[in-house]
Amino acid sequence: MYRNRIEKDIGRVRFNLASIEDLIALKTGTGRKQDASDIEALKIVARATGKGT
């Protein structure tokens, strides 16, 4: 996951964020309805931005 991170600077602070693909992987197989909904939303974002799935 660290390898695929997205680095964002906000002010003078750098944040490491999970990539969309990694978020989908983390939420897959949990059996939670909210995670299933999040996965669908993340896939839409990924397609719209050209970042993965």
Protein backbone atom coordinates (compact mmCIF):
# COMPACT_ATOMS: atom_id res chain seq x y z
CA MET A 1 0.00 0.00 0.00
CA TYR A 2 2.82 2.43 0.83
CA ARG A 3 4.26 1.90 -2.64
CA ASN A 4 1.01 3.13 -4.25
CA ARG A 5 0.49 6.05 -1.87
CA ILE A 6 -0.54 9.49 -3.00
CA GLU A 7 1.48 12.30 -1.44
CA LYS A 8 -0.33 15.59 -0.80
CA ASP A 9 1.09 18.73 0.73
CA ILE A 10 -1.29 20.90 2.70
CA GLY A 11 0.48 23.97 3.90
CA ARG A 12 3.77 22.74 5.28
CA VAL A 13 2.52 19.26 6.12
CA ARG A 14 2.89 16.28 3.78
CA PHE A 15 0.24 13.57 3.96
CA ASN A 16 0.49 10.04 2.59
CA LEU A 17 -2.91 8.79 1.39
CA ALA A 18 -4.01 5.37 0.22
CA SER A 19 -4.55 5.11 -3.54
CA ILE A 20 -8.02 4.45 -4.90
CA GLU A 21 -6.98 0.92 -5.87
CA ASP A 22 -5.69 0.25 -2.36
CA LEU A 23 -8.87 1.62 -0.78
CA ILE A 24 -10.92 -0.71 -2.96
CA ALA A 25 -8.70 -3.65 -1.95
CA LEU A 26 -9.04 -2.77 1.74
CA LYS A 27 -12.83 -2.58 1.51
CA THR A 28 -13.28 -5.73 -0.59
CA GLY A 29 -14.51 -8.82 1.23
CA THR A 30 -15.55 -7.14 4.47
CA GLY A 31 -19.21 -7.97 3.99
CA ARG A 32 -20.23 -4.48 5.11
CA LYS A 33 -22.93 -2.72 3.08
CA GLN A 34 -21.19 0.63 3.53
CA ASP A 35 -17.93 -0.78 2.14
CA ALA A 36 -19.77 -2.20 -0.89
CA SER A 37 -21.28 1.24 -1.50
CA ASP A 38 -17.88 2.89 -1.04
CA ILE A 39 -16.31 0.49 -3.55
CA GLU A 40 -18.86 1.44 -6.20
CA ALA A 41 -18.24 5.15 -5.56
CA LEU A 42 -14.46 4.65 -5.66
CA LYS A 43 -14.75 2.82 -8.99
CA ILE A 44 -16.70 5.75 -10.43
CA VAL A 45 -14.04 8.18 -9.22
CA ALA A 46 -11.29 5.93 -10.62
CA ARG A 47 -12.93 5.82 -14.05
CA ALA A 48 -13.63 9.57 -14.05
CA THR A 49 -10.07 10.47 -13.13
CA GLY A 50 -8.31 7.72 -15.06
CA LYS A 51 -6.70 6.51 -11.83
CA GLY A 52 -7.12 2.76 -11.83
CA THR A 53 -10.08 0.45 -11.97
